[in-house]
PDB file of N, CA and C in Angstrom:
ATOM      1  N   UNK A   1       2.603 -13.581   2.973  1.00  0.00           N
ATOM      2  CA  UNK A   1       3.196 -12.355   3.497  1.00  0.00           C
ATOM      3  C   UNK A   1       3.505 -11.423   2.324  1.00  0.00           C
ATOM      4  N   UNK A   2       3.221 -10.164   2.498  1.00  0.00           N
ATOM      5  CA  UNK A   2       3.484  -9.212   1.427  1.00  0.00           C
ATOM      6  C   UNK A   2       4.794  -8.493   1.674  1.00  0.00           C
ATOM      7  N   UNK A   3       5.362  -8.030   0.612  1.00  0.00           N
ATOM      8  CA  UNK A   3       6.586  -7.226   0.640  1.00  0.00           C
ATOM      9  C   UNK A   3       6.172  -5.794   0.951  1.00  0.00           C
ATOM     10  N   UNK A   4       6.797  -5.140   1.950  1.00  0.00           N
ATOM     11  CA  UNK A   4       6.368  -3.800   2.338  1.00  0.00           C
ATOM     12  C   UNK A   4       7.419  -2.741   2.027  1.00  0.00           C
ATOM     13  N   UNK A   5       6.919  -1.554   1.723  1.00  0.00           N
ATOM     14  CA  UNK A   5       7.763  -0.399   1.417  1.00  0.00           C
ATOM     15  C   UNK A   5       7.099   0.846   1.989  1.00  0.00           C
ATOM     16  N   UNK A   6       7.878   1.896   2.167  1.00  0.00           N
ATOM     17  CA  UNK A   6       7.321   3.186   2.556  1.00  0.00           C
ATOM     18  C   UNK A   6       7.521   4.165   1.412  1.00  0.00           C
ATOM     19  N   UNK A   7       6.536   5.048   1.224  1.00  0.00           N
ATOM     20  CA  UNK A   7       6.621   6.038   0.161  1.00  0.00           C
ATOM     21  C   UNK A   7       6.032   7.355   0.663  1.00  0.00           C
ATOM     22  N   UNK A   8       6.727   8.428   0.375  1.00  0.00           N
ATOM     23  CA  UNK A   8       6.236   9.757   0.766  1.00  0.00           C
ATOM     24  C   UNK A   8       5.057  10.158  -0.116  1.00  0.00           C
ATOM     25  N   UNK A   9       4.167  10.969   0.426  1.00  0.00           N
ATOM     26  CA  UNK A   9       2.996  11.430  -0.319  1.00  0.00           C
ATOM     27  C   UNK A   9       3.417  12.068  -1.643  1.00  0.00           C
ATOM     28  N   UNK A  10       4.438  12.905  -1.610  1.00  0.00           N
ATOM     29  CA  UNK A  10       4.897  13.578  -2.831  1.00  0.00           C
ATOM     30  C   UNK A  10       5.346  12.569  -3.884  1.00  0.00           C
ATOM     31  N   UNK A  11       6.040  11.518  -3.462  1.00  0.00           N
ATOM     32  CA  UNK A  11       6.495  10.491  -4.405  1.00  0.00           C
ATOM     33  C   UNK A  11       5.324   9.651  -4.903  1.00  0.00           C
ATOM     34  N   UNK A  12       4.356   9.418  -4.044  1.00  0.00           N
ATOM     35  CA  UNK A  12       3.162   8.681  -4.460  1.00  0.00           C
ATOM     36  C   UNK A  12       2.422   9.438  -5.557  1.00  0.00           C
ATOM     37  N   UNK A  13       2.303  10.745  -5.409  1.00  0.00           N
ATOM     38  CA  UNK A  13       1.629  11.553  -6.429  1.00  0.00           C
ATOM     39  C   UNK A  13       2.308  11.404  -7.786  1.00  0.00           C
ATOM     40  N   UNK A  14       3.628  11.383  -7.787  1.00  0.00           N
ATOM     41  CA  UNK A  14       4.389  11.294  -9.036  1.00  0.00           C
ATOM     42  C   UNK A  14       4.313   9.905  -9.657  1.00  0.00           C
ATOM     43  N   UNK A  15       4.134   8.867  -8.824  1.00  0.00           N
ATOM     44  CA  UNK A  15       4.277   7.485  -9.299  1.00  0.00           C
ATOM     45  C   UNK A  15       3.059   6.613  -9.011  1.00  0.00           C
ATOM     46  N   UNK A  16       1.883   7.211  -8.923  1.00  0.00           N
ATOM     47  CA  UNK A  16       0.705   6.458  -8.508  1.00  0.00           C
ATOM     48  C   UNK A  16       0.440   5.236  -9.382  1.00  0.00           C
ATOM     49  N   UNK A  17       0.456   5.379 -10.689  1.00  0.00           N
ATOM     50  CA  UNK A  17       0.160   4.251 -11.578  1.00  0.00           C
ATOM     51  C   UNK A  17       1.165   3.114 -11.367  1.00  0.00           C
ATOM     52  N   UNK A  18       2.423   3.451 -11.226  1.00  0.00           N
ATOM     53  CA  UNK A  18       3.464   2.434 -11.005  1.00  0.00           C
ATOM     54  C   UNK A  18       3.270   1.734  -9.663  1.00  0.00           C
ATOM     55  N   UNK A  19       2.948   2.492  -8.631  1.00  0.00           N
ATOM     56  CA  UNK A  19       2.743   1.927  -7.295  1.00  0.00           C
ATOM     57  C   UNK A  19       1.537   0.991  -7.292  1.00  0.00           C
ATOM     58  N   UNK A  20       0.444   1.404  -7.920  1.00  0.00           N
ATOM     59  CA  UNK A  20      -0.739   0.550  -7.985  1.00  0.00           C
ATOM     60  C   UNK A  20      -0.453  -0.735  -8.748  1.00  0.00           C
ATOM     61  N   UNK A  21       0.265  -0.637  -9.842  1.00  0.00           N
ATOM     62  CA  UNK A  21       0.626  -1.824 -10.602  1.00  0.00           C
ATOM     63  C   UNK A  21       1.530  -2.738  -9.774  1.00  0.00           C
ATOM     64  N   UNK A  22       2.495  -2.167  -9.100  1.00  0.00           N
ATOM     65  CA  UNK A  22       3.426  -2.934  -8.266  1.00  0.00           C
ATOM     66  C   UNK A  22       2.660  -3.658  -7.153  1.00  0.00           C
ATOM     67  N   UNK A  23       1.672  -2.994  -6.586  1.00  0.00           N
ATOM     68  CA  UNK A  23       0.855  -3.601  -5.536  1.00  0.00           C
ATOM     69  C   UNK A  23       0.050  -4.771  -6.091  1.00  0.00           C
ATOM     70  N   UNK A  24      -0.567  -4.573  -7.232  1.00  0.00           N
ATOM     71  CA  UNK A  24      -1.410  -5.606  -7.826  1.00  0.00           C
ATOM     72  C   UNK A  24      -0.610  -6.794  -8.344  1.00  0.00           C
ATOM     73  N   UNK A  25       0.470  -6.537  -9.054  1.00  0.00           N
ATOM     74  CA  UNK A  25       1.221  -7.601  -9.707  1.00  0.00           C
ATOM     75  C   UNK A  25       2.168  -8.320  -8.757  1.00  0.00           C
ATOM     76  N   UNK A  26       2.819  -7.576  -7.876  1.00  0.00           N
ATOM     77  CA  UNK A  26       3.857  -8.158  -7.015  1.00  0.00           C
ATOM     78  C   UNK A  26       3.440  -8.284  -5.556  1.00  0.00           C
ATOM     79  N   UNK A  27       2.172  -8.014  -5.262  1.00  0.00           N
ATOM     80  CA  UNK A  27       1.626  -8.132  -3.901  1.00  0.00           C
ATOM     81  C   UNK A  27       2.437  -7.342  -2.879  1.00  0.00           C
ATOM     82  N   UNK A  28       2.837  -6.143  -3.250  1.00  0.00           N
ATOM     83  CA  UNK A  28       3.589  -5.293  -2.328  1.00  0.00           C
ATOM     84  C   UNK A  28       2.637  -4.360  -1.591  1.00  0.00           C
ATOM     85  N   UNK A  29       2.942  -4.122  -0.339  1.00  0.00           N
ATOM     86  CA  UNK A  29       2.208  -3.160   0.469  1.00  0.00           C
ATOM     87  C   UNK A  29       3.040  -1.901   0.587  1.00  0.00           C
ATOM     88  N   UNK A  30       2.407  -0.761   0.376  1.00  0.00           N
ATOM     89  CA  UNK A  30       3.087   0.531   0.517  1.00  0.00           C
ATOM     90  C   UNK A  30       2.468   1.294   1.671  1.00  0.00           C
ATOM     91  N   UNK A  31       3.294   1.717   2.602  1.00  0.00           N
ATOM     92  CA  UNK A  31       2.865   2.618   3.659  1.00  0.00           C
ATOM     93  C   UNK A  31       3.157   4.032   3.177  1.00  0.00           C
ATOM     94  N   UNK A  32       2.126   4.851   3.155  1.00  0.00           N
ATOM     95  CA  UNK A  32       2.256   6.230   2.701  1.00  0.00           C
ATOM     96  C   UNK A  32       2.621   7.080   3.921  1.00  0.00           C
ATOM     97  N   UNK A  33       3.686   7.861   3.766  1.00  0.00           N
ATOM     98  CA  UNK A  33       4.156   8.663   4.897  1.00  0.00           C
ATOM     99  C   UNK A  33       4.043  10.153   4.615  1.00  0.00           C
ATOM    100  N   UNK A  34       3.792  10.889   5.689  1.00  0.00           N
ATOM    101  CA  UNK A  34       3.785  12.351   5.643  1.00  0.00           C
ATOM    102  C   UNK A  34       4.602  12.804   6.856  1.00  0.00           C
ATOM    103  N   UNK A  35       5.617  13.590   6.600  1.00  0.00           N
ATOM    104  CA  UNK A  35       6.514  14.045   7.664  1.00  0.00           C
ATOM    105  C   UNK A  35       7.094  12.876   8.457  1.00  0.00           C
ATOM    106  N   UNK A  36       7.384  11.784   7.747  1.00  0.00           N
ATOM    107  CA  UNK A  36       8.011  10.622   8.371  1.00  0.00           C
ATOM    108  C   UNK A  36       7.078   9.710   9.144  1.00  0.00           C
ATOM    109  N   UNK A  37       5.779  10.028   9.165  1.00  0.00           N
ATOM    110  CA  UNK A  37       4.817   9.207   9.901  1.00  0.00           C
ATOM    111  C   UNK A  37       3.887   8.500   8.928  1.00  0.00           C
ATOM    112  N   UNK A  38       3.594   7.252   9.190  1.00  0.00           N
ATOM    113  CA  UNK A  38       2.664   6.505   8.349  1.00  0.00           C
ATOM    114  C   UNK A  38       1.253   7.059   8.515  1.00  0.00           C
ATOM    115  N   UNK A  39       0.624   7.368   7.376  1.00  0.00           N
ATOM    116  CA  UNK A  39      -0.730   7.927   7.409  1.00  0.00           C
ATOM    117  C   UNK A  39      -1.745   7.055   6.674  1.00  0.00           C
ATOM    118  N   UNK A  40      -1.270   6.135   5.838  1.00  0.00           N
ATOM    119  CA  UNK A  40      -2.173   5.274   5.073  1.00  0.00           C
ATOM    120  C   UNK A  40      -1.376   4.091   4.536  1.00  0.00           C
ATOM    121  N   UNK A  41      -2.113   3.129   3.987  1.00  0.00           N
ATOM    122  CA  UNK A  41      -1.461   1.976   3.374  1.00  0.00           C
ATOM    123  C   UNK A  41      -2.173   1.640   2.068  1.00  0.00           C
ATOM    124  N   UNK A  42      -1.386   1.213   1.103  1.00  0.00           N
ATOM    125  CA  UNK A  42      -1.917   0.685  -0.149  1.00  0.00           C
ATOM    126  C   UNK A  42      -1.586  -0.796  -0.118  1.00  0.00           C
ATOM    127  N   UNK A  43      -2.628  -1.623  -0.116  1.00  0.00           N
ATOM    128  CA  UNK A  43      -2.429  -3.065   0.049  1.00  0.00           C
ATOM    129  C   UNK A  43      -3.049  -3.826  -1.113  1.00  0.00           C
ATOM    130  N   UNK A  44      -2.554  -5.023  -1.392  1.00  0.00           N
ATOM    131  CA  UNK A  44      -3.169  -5.845  -2.434  1.00  0.00           C
ATOM    132  C   UNK A  44      -4.618  -6.179  -2.065  1.00  0.00           C
ATOM    133  N   UNK A  45      -5.456  -6.342  -3.050  1.00  0.00           N
ATOM    134  CA  UNK A  45      -6.871  -6.622  -2.832  1.00  0.00           C
ATOM    135  C   UNK A  45      -7.085  -7.840  -1.928  1.00  0.00           C
ATOM    136  N   UNK A  46      -6.392  -8.958  -2.126  1.00  0.00           N
ATOM    137  CA  UNK A  46      -6.630 -10.105  -1.228  1.00  0.00           C
ATOM    138  C   UNK A  46      -6.377  -9.772   0.245  1.00  0.00           C
ATOM    139  N   UNK A  47      -5.412  -8.941   0.522  1.00  0.00           N
ATOM    140  CA  UNK A  47      -5.128  -8.543   1.903  1.00  0.00           C
ATOM    141  C   UNK A  47      -6.286  -7.718   2.456  1.00  0.00           C
ATOM    142  N   UNK A  48      -6.776  -6.774   1.671  1.00  0.00           N
ATOM    143  CA  UNK A  48      -7.903  -5.942   2.103  1.00  0.00           C
ATOM    144  C   UNK A  48      -9.163  -6.779   2.298  1.00  0.00           C
ATOM    145  N   UNK A  49      -9.414  -7.709   1.378  1.00  0.00           N
ATOM    146  CA  UNK A  49     -10.603  -8.554   1.487  1.00  0.00           C
ATOM    147  C   UNK A  49     -10.524  -9.479   2.689  1.00  0.00           C
ATOM    148  N   UNK A  50      -9.331  -9.983   2.979  1.00  0.00           N
ATOM    149  CA  UNK A  50      -9.161 -10.836   4.155  1.00  0.00           C
ATOM    150  C   UNK A  50      -9.480 -10.053   5.418  1.00  0.00           C
ATOM    151  N   UNK A  51      -9.006  -8.828   5.471  1.00  0.00           N
ATOM    152  CA  UNK A  51      -9.276  -7.950   6.634  1.00  0.00           C
ATOM    153  C   UNK A  51     -10.758  -7.638   6.732  1.00  0.00           C
ATOM    154  N   UNK A  52     -11.362  -7.369   5.584  1.00  0.00           N
ATOM    155  CA  UNK A  52     -12.771  -7.020   5.547  1.00  0.00           C
ATOM    156  C   UNK A  52     -13.649  -8.183   6.011  1.00  0.00           C
ATOM    157  N   UNK A  53     -13.260  -9.401   5.686  1.00  0.00           N
ATOM    158  CA  UNK A  53     -14.051 -10.584   5.999  1.00  0.00           C
ATOM    159  C   UNK A  53     -13.701 -11.199   7.341  1.00  0.00           C
ATOM    160  N   UNK A  54     -12.706 -10.671   8.030  1.00  0.00           N
ATOM    161  CA  UNK A  54     -12.306 -11.202   9.327  1.00  0.00           C
ATOM    162  C   UNK A  54     -13.391 -10.921  10.367  1.00  0.00           C
ATOM    163  N   UNK A  55     -13.601 -11.859  11.273  1.00  0.00           N
ATOM    164  CA  UNK A  55     -14.577 -11.604  12.323  1.00  0.00           C
ATOM    165  C   UNK A  55     -14.117 -10.463  13.235  1.00  0.00           C
ATOM    166  N   UNK A  56     -15.073  -9.715  13.742  1.00  0.00           N
ATOM    167  CA  UNK A  56     -14.748  -8.573  14.619  1.00  0.00           C
ATOM    168  C   UNK A  56     -14.291  -9.001  15.976  1.00  0.00           C
TER     169      UNK A  56
END
């Protein structure tokens, strides 16, 4: 299970390198929000690969 957080687009722009490192090293998932709504997710590679390899 990954640790999840929400981050605004504006904050993501300011802290992209830190967020990517945090995702890779600490297996944290970040939900990117715009106007309080989730619009995207930054997930650790193993999570993305598991989803990619899952049967349809």
